[in-house]
Amino acid sequence: MNGPVSPLTLGSMGLAVLFCVLLPLGLLLYYKKKGAQVLPFFVGCGVFVLFALLLETLMHQLVLKLLPVGERILGNTLLYALYGGFAAGIFEETGRFVAFTTVLKKRLDNDRNALMYGAGHGGIEAVLTLGTTYASYIVMGIMVNAGLADKLTAGLSGPSLEQMQTLLTTLGTLTPGTCLLPTSACRSWSGSPPSSRKRCISFPWRSCCTRSWTDS
């Protein structure tokens, strides 16, 4: 039986979603006013989607799911951290290098364009990871409070059902403060490696568990 989700918790999630959306837009307007061009903002958005969400995710699917070394990485916290850090750095920095040597090559004379690029890159990451995650949690929380939790688990079985039940149970235990600090929220239920951590990265705490590496 899943407990109700506090209205304050749902409200905190809503504030987090608004923050994820409004902060990048605010930076866009601010840097534009300070003389930056708008194009780098959208280039930053595109680079994150292409290099981090698409290409990096494809590599994770290959390394962690198809290659024998994947189980070893997932079962060792140090290897897992090193792999994740290097993967994110390589793909995102490569994306930045490509962007500033091609599309933005003629806009390097304005330092503010780099700030605008960062606002776009980080902004779309916040929206697509934390923002969409919390938005989905708000919907789930409302459904749980309305007595419709069974609809969320309908048609699920095995590990998928277990993951959803764990998520719904966790939603009922979250506090408003935890929702405003998503990293601690992830750690509070990610558990010990390897099985619980797999649950963490396969379900949508992507703001603190990087991205969905094993079950997308």
Protein backbone atom coordinates (compact mmCIF):
# COMPACT_ATOMS: atom_id res chain seq x y z
CA MET A 1 0.00 0.00 0.00
CA ASN A 2 1.52 3.31 -1.08
CA GLY A 3 1.24 6.23 1.32
CA PRO A 4 -0.06 9.62 0.18
CA VAL A 5 2.35 12.19 -1.20
CA SER A 6 2.39 15.39 0.82
CA PRO A 7 0.97 18.46 -0.97
CA LEU A 8 4.03 20.37 0.25
CA THR A 9 6.24 17.77 -1.42
CA LEU A 10 4.33 18.12 -4.67
CA GLY A 11 4.59 21.88 -4.37
CA SER A 12 8.34 21.66 -3.83
CA MET A 13 8.65 19.55 -6.95
CA GLY A 14 6.63 22.17 -8.81
CA LEU A 15 9.01 24.90 -7.62
CA ALA A 16 11.96 22.82 -8.80
CA VAL A 17 10.37 22.45 -12.24
CA LEU A 18 9.74 26.19 -12.46
CA PHE A 19 13.31 26.89 -11.40
CA CYS A 20 14.67 24.56 -14.09
CA VAL A 21 12.67 26.37 -16.76
CA LEU A 22 12.85 29.98 -15.59
CA LEU A 23 16.56 30.12 -14.72
CA PRO A 24 17.81 29.31 -18.26
CA LEU A 25 15.28 31.72 -19.76
CA GLY A 26 16.33 34.38 -17.29
CA LEU A 27 19.98 33.88 -18.18
CA LEU A 28 19.10 34.02 -21.88
CA LEU A 29 17.45 37.42 -21.45
CA TYR A 30 20.17 38.68 -19.11
CA TYR A 31 23.11 37.76 -21.32
CA LYS A 32 21.32 39.08 -24.40
CA LYS A 33 20.90 42.39 -22.62
CA LYS A 34 24.61 42.36 -21.80
CA GLY A 35 25.52 41.98 -25.46
CA ALA A 36 25.66 38.23 -26.05
CA GLN A 37 24.16 36.71 -29.19
CA VAL A 38 21.20 34.34 -28.97
CA LEU A 39 22.57 31.62 -31.27
CA PRO A 40 25.10 30.19 -28.75
CA PHE A 41 22.25 29.49 -26.33
CA PHE A 42 20.50 27.20 -28.80
CA VAL A 43 23.80 25.68 -29.95
CA GLY A 44 24.46 24.76 -26.32
CA CYS A 45 21.04 23.13 -26.13
CA GLY A 46 21.68 21.16 -29.30
CA VAL A 47 25.14 20.01 -28.25
CA PHE A 48 23.84 18.61 -24.99
CA VAL A 49 21.03 16.72 -26.73
CA LEU A 50 23.28 15.31 -29.45
CA PHE A 51 26.46 14.51 -27.55
CA ALA A 52 25.17 13.76 -24.05
CA LEU A 53 21.68 12.38 -24.50
CA LEU A 54 22.16 10.56 -27.80
CA LEU A 55 25.80 9.66 -28.44
CA GLU A 56 26.83 9.18 -24.82
CA THR A 57 23.74 7.12 -24.08
CA LEU A 58 24.50 4.88 -27.05
CA MET A 59 27.96 4.24 -25.65
CA HIS A 60 26.50 3.40 -22.23
CA GLN A 61 24.12 0.93 -23.85
CA LEU A 62 27.07 -0.73 -25.57
CA VAL A 63 29.52 -0.76 -22.65
CA LEU A 64 27.18 -1.44 -19.73
CA LYS A 65 24.67 -3.76 -21.36
CA LEU A 66 26.40 -5.56 -24.21
CA LEU A 67 30.04 -5.85 -23.17
CA PRO A 68 31.23 -8.20 -20.39
CA VAL A 69 33.02 -5.31 -18.68
CA GLY A 70 29.67 -3.66 -17.98
CA GLU A 71 28.85 -5.88 -14.99
CA ARG A 72 32.27 -5.23 -13.50
CA ILE A 73 31.82 -1.48 -13.82
CA LEU A 74 28.34 -1.55 -12.29
CA GLY A 75 29.55 -3.73 -9.46
CA ASN A 76 32.45 -1.51 -8.46
CA THR A 77 31.67 1.97 -7.11
CA LEU A 78 35.09 3.39 -7.95
CA LEU A 79 35.07 2.08 -11.53
CA TYR A 80 31.49 3.26 -11.93
CA ALA A 81 32.38 6.78 -10.78
CA LEU A 82 35.47 6.97 -12.97
CA TYR A 83 33.62 5.63 -15.99
CA GLY A 84 30.75 8.06 -15.54
CA GLY A 85 33.00 11.06 -15.01
CA PHE A 86 35.24 10.35 -17.97
CA ALA A 87 32.30 9.54 -20.25
CA ALA A 88 30.48 12.76 -19.42
CA GLY A 89 33.65 14.82 -19.75
CA ILE A 90 34.74 13.31 -23.05
CA PHE A 91 31.38 13.61 -24.79
CA GLU A 92 30.37 17.02 -23.50
CA GLU A 93 33.79 18.61 -23.95
CA THR A 94 34.02 17.15 -27.44
CA GLY A 95 30.64 18.68 -28.17
CA ARG A 96 31.83 22.07 -26.96
CA PHE A 97 35.00 21.82 -29.04
CA VAL A 98 33.00 20.98 -32.16
CA ALA A 99 30.56 23.81 -31.51
CA PHE A 100 33.20 26.49 -30.99
CA THR A 101 35.30 25.40 -33.96
CA THR A 102 32.37 25.22 -36.40
CA VAL A 103 29.05 26.94 -35.78
CA LEU A 104 30.41 29.47 -33.27
CA LYS A 105 33.82 29.96 -34.87
CA LYS A 106 33.04 33.52 -35.98
CA ARG A 107 31.58 34.48 -32.60
CA LEU A 108 34.65 33.93 -30.44
CA ASP A 109 35.38 37.67 -30.19
CA ASN A 110 32.56 38.10 -27.66
CA ASP A 111 33.27 36.40 -24.32
CA ARG A 112 29.62 36.69 -23.33
CA ASN A 113 28.76 34.19 -26.05
CA ALA A 114 30.52 31.51 -24.01
CA LEU A 115 28.28 32.35 -21.06
CA MET A 116 25.25 32.21 -23.33
CA TYR A 117 26.37 28.80 -24.60
CA GLY A 118 26.72 27.57 -21.02
CA ALA A 119 23.24 28.82 -20.16
CA GLY A 120 21.81 26.83 -23.05
CA HIS A 121 23.82 23.69 -22.38
CA GLY A 122 23.17 23.62 -18.65
CA GLY A 123 19.63 24.90 -19.02
CA ILE A 124 18.43 22.19 -21.37
CA GLU A 125 20.13 19.60 -19.16
CA ALA A 126 18.21 20.88 -16.14
CA VAL A 127 14.91 20.86 -18.04
CA LEU A 128 15.34 17.41 -19.61
CA THR A 129 16.70 15.70 -16.50
CA LEU A 130 15.46 17.23 -13.27
CA GLY A 131 12.53 19.17 -14.76
CA THR A 132 10.91 16.32 -16.65
CA THR A 133 11.64 13.91 -13.81
CA TYR A 134 9.86 16.02 -11.23
CA ALA A 135 7.02 16.74 -13.63
CA SER A 136 6.42 13.00 -13.99
CA TYR A 137 6.67 12.56 -10.22
CA ILE A 138 4.05 15.25 -9.69
CA VAL A 139 1.66 13.37 -11.98
CA MET A 140 2.41 10.11 -10.17
CA GLY A 141 1.92 11.75 -6.79
CA ILE A 142 -1.44 13.18 -7.79
CA MET A 143 -2.52 9.78 -9.07
CA VAL A 144 -1.41 8.10 -5.82
CA ASN A 145 -3.33 10.66 -3.76
CA ALA A 146 -6.39 10.09 -5.94
CA GLY A 147 -6.25 6.34 -5.34
CA LEU A 148 -5.14 5.57 -8.88
CA ALA A 149 -1.76 4.00 -8.08
CA ASP A 150 -2.92 0.69 -9.56
CA LYS A 151 -3.09 2.32 -12.97
CA LEU A 152 0.63 3.10 -12.76
CA THR A 153 1.50 -0.54 -12.19
CA ALA A 154 -1.03 -2.05 -14.58
CA GLY A 155 0.64 -4.20 -17.21
CA LEU A 156 3.99 -4.25 -15.40
CA SER A 157 5.69 -7.39 -14.15
CA GLY A 158 9.03 -8.60 -12.84
CA PRO A 159 11.77 -5.99 -12.36
CA SER A 160 9.69 -3.25 -13.98
CA LEU A 161 6.91 -3.76 -11.46
CA GLU A 162 9.39 -3.85 -8.58
CA GLN A 163 10.99 -0.62 -9.75
CA MET A 164 7.66 1.17 -10.05
CA GLN A 165 6.52 -0.04 -6.62
CA THR A 166 9.81 1.13 -5.11
CA LEU A 167 9.42 4.51 -6.76
CA LEU A 168 5.83 4.95 -5.58
CA THR A 169 6.79 3.96 -2.04
CA THR A 170 9.69 6.41 -2.11
CA LEU A 171 7.47 9.26 -3.30
CA GLY A 172 5.41 8.88 -0.15
CA THR A 173 8.50 9.30 2.05
CA LEU A 174 10.01 12.35 0.34
CA THR A 175 9.98 15.66 2.17
CA PRO A 176 9.80 19.16 0.64
CA GLY A 177 13.42 19.79 1.60
CA THR A 178 14.54 16.57 -0.04
CA CYS A 179 12.84 17.53 -3.29
CA LEU A 180 14.69 20.82 -3.36
CA LEU A 181 17.96 18.90 -2.89
CA PRO A 182 17.64 16.12 -5.52
CA THR A 183 21.14 14.77 -4.97
CA SER A 184 20.40 13.81 -1.37
CA ALA A 185 17.05 12.42 -2.46
CA CYS A 186 18.81 10.05 -4.83
CA ARG A 187 21.31 8.92 -2.25
CA SER A 188 18.55 8.27 0.25
CA TRP A 189 17.13 5.39 -1.74
CA SER A 190 19.82 4.36 -4.21
CA GLY A 191 20.98 1.67 -1.80
CA SER A 192 24.14 -0.38 -1.93
CA PRO A 193 25.76 -1.63 -5.14
CA PRO A 194 25.11 -3.20 -7.44
CA SER A 195 21.38 -4.04 -7.61
CA SER A 196 19.94 -0.96 -5.89
CA ARG A 197 22.23 1.35 -7.80
CA LYS A 198 21.03 -0.17 -11.04
CA ARG A 199 17.51 0.66 -9.95
CA CYS A 200 18.61 4.21 -9.31
CA ILE A 201 20.17 4.78 -12.71
CA SER A 202 17.42 2.98 -14.59
CA PHE A 203 14.71 5.03 -12.96
CA PRO A 204 14.52 8.68 -13.44
CA TRP A 205 16.70 10.33 -10.78
CA ARG A 206 18.84 11.40 -13.68
CA SER A 207 19.75 14.71 -12.13
CA CYS A 208 22.12 13.00 -9.72
CA CYS A 209 22.66 9.63 -11.35
CA THR A 210 23.80 11.24 -14.60
CA ARG A 211 21.58 9.71 -17.27
CA SER A 212 19.68 6.52 -17.88
CA TRP A 213 22.57 4.17 -18.64
CA THR A 214 21.16 0.71 -18.41
CA ASP A 215 17.40 0.82 -18.96
CA SER A 216 16.29 3.65 -21.16
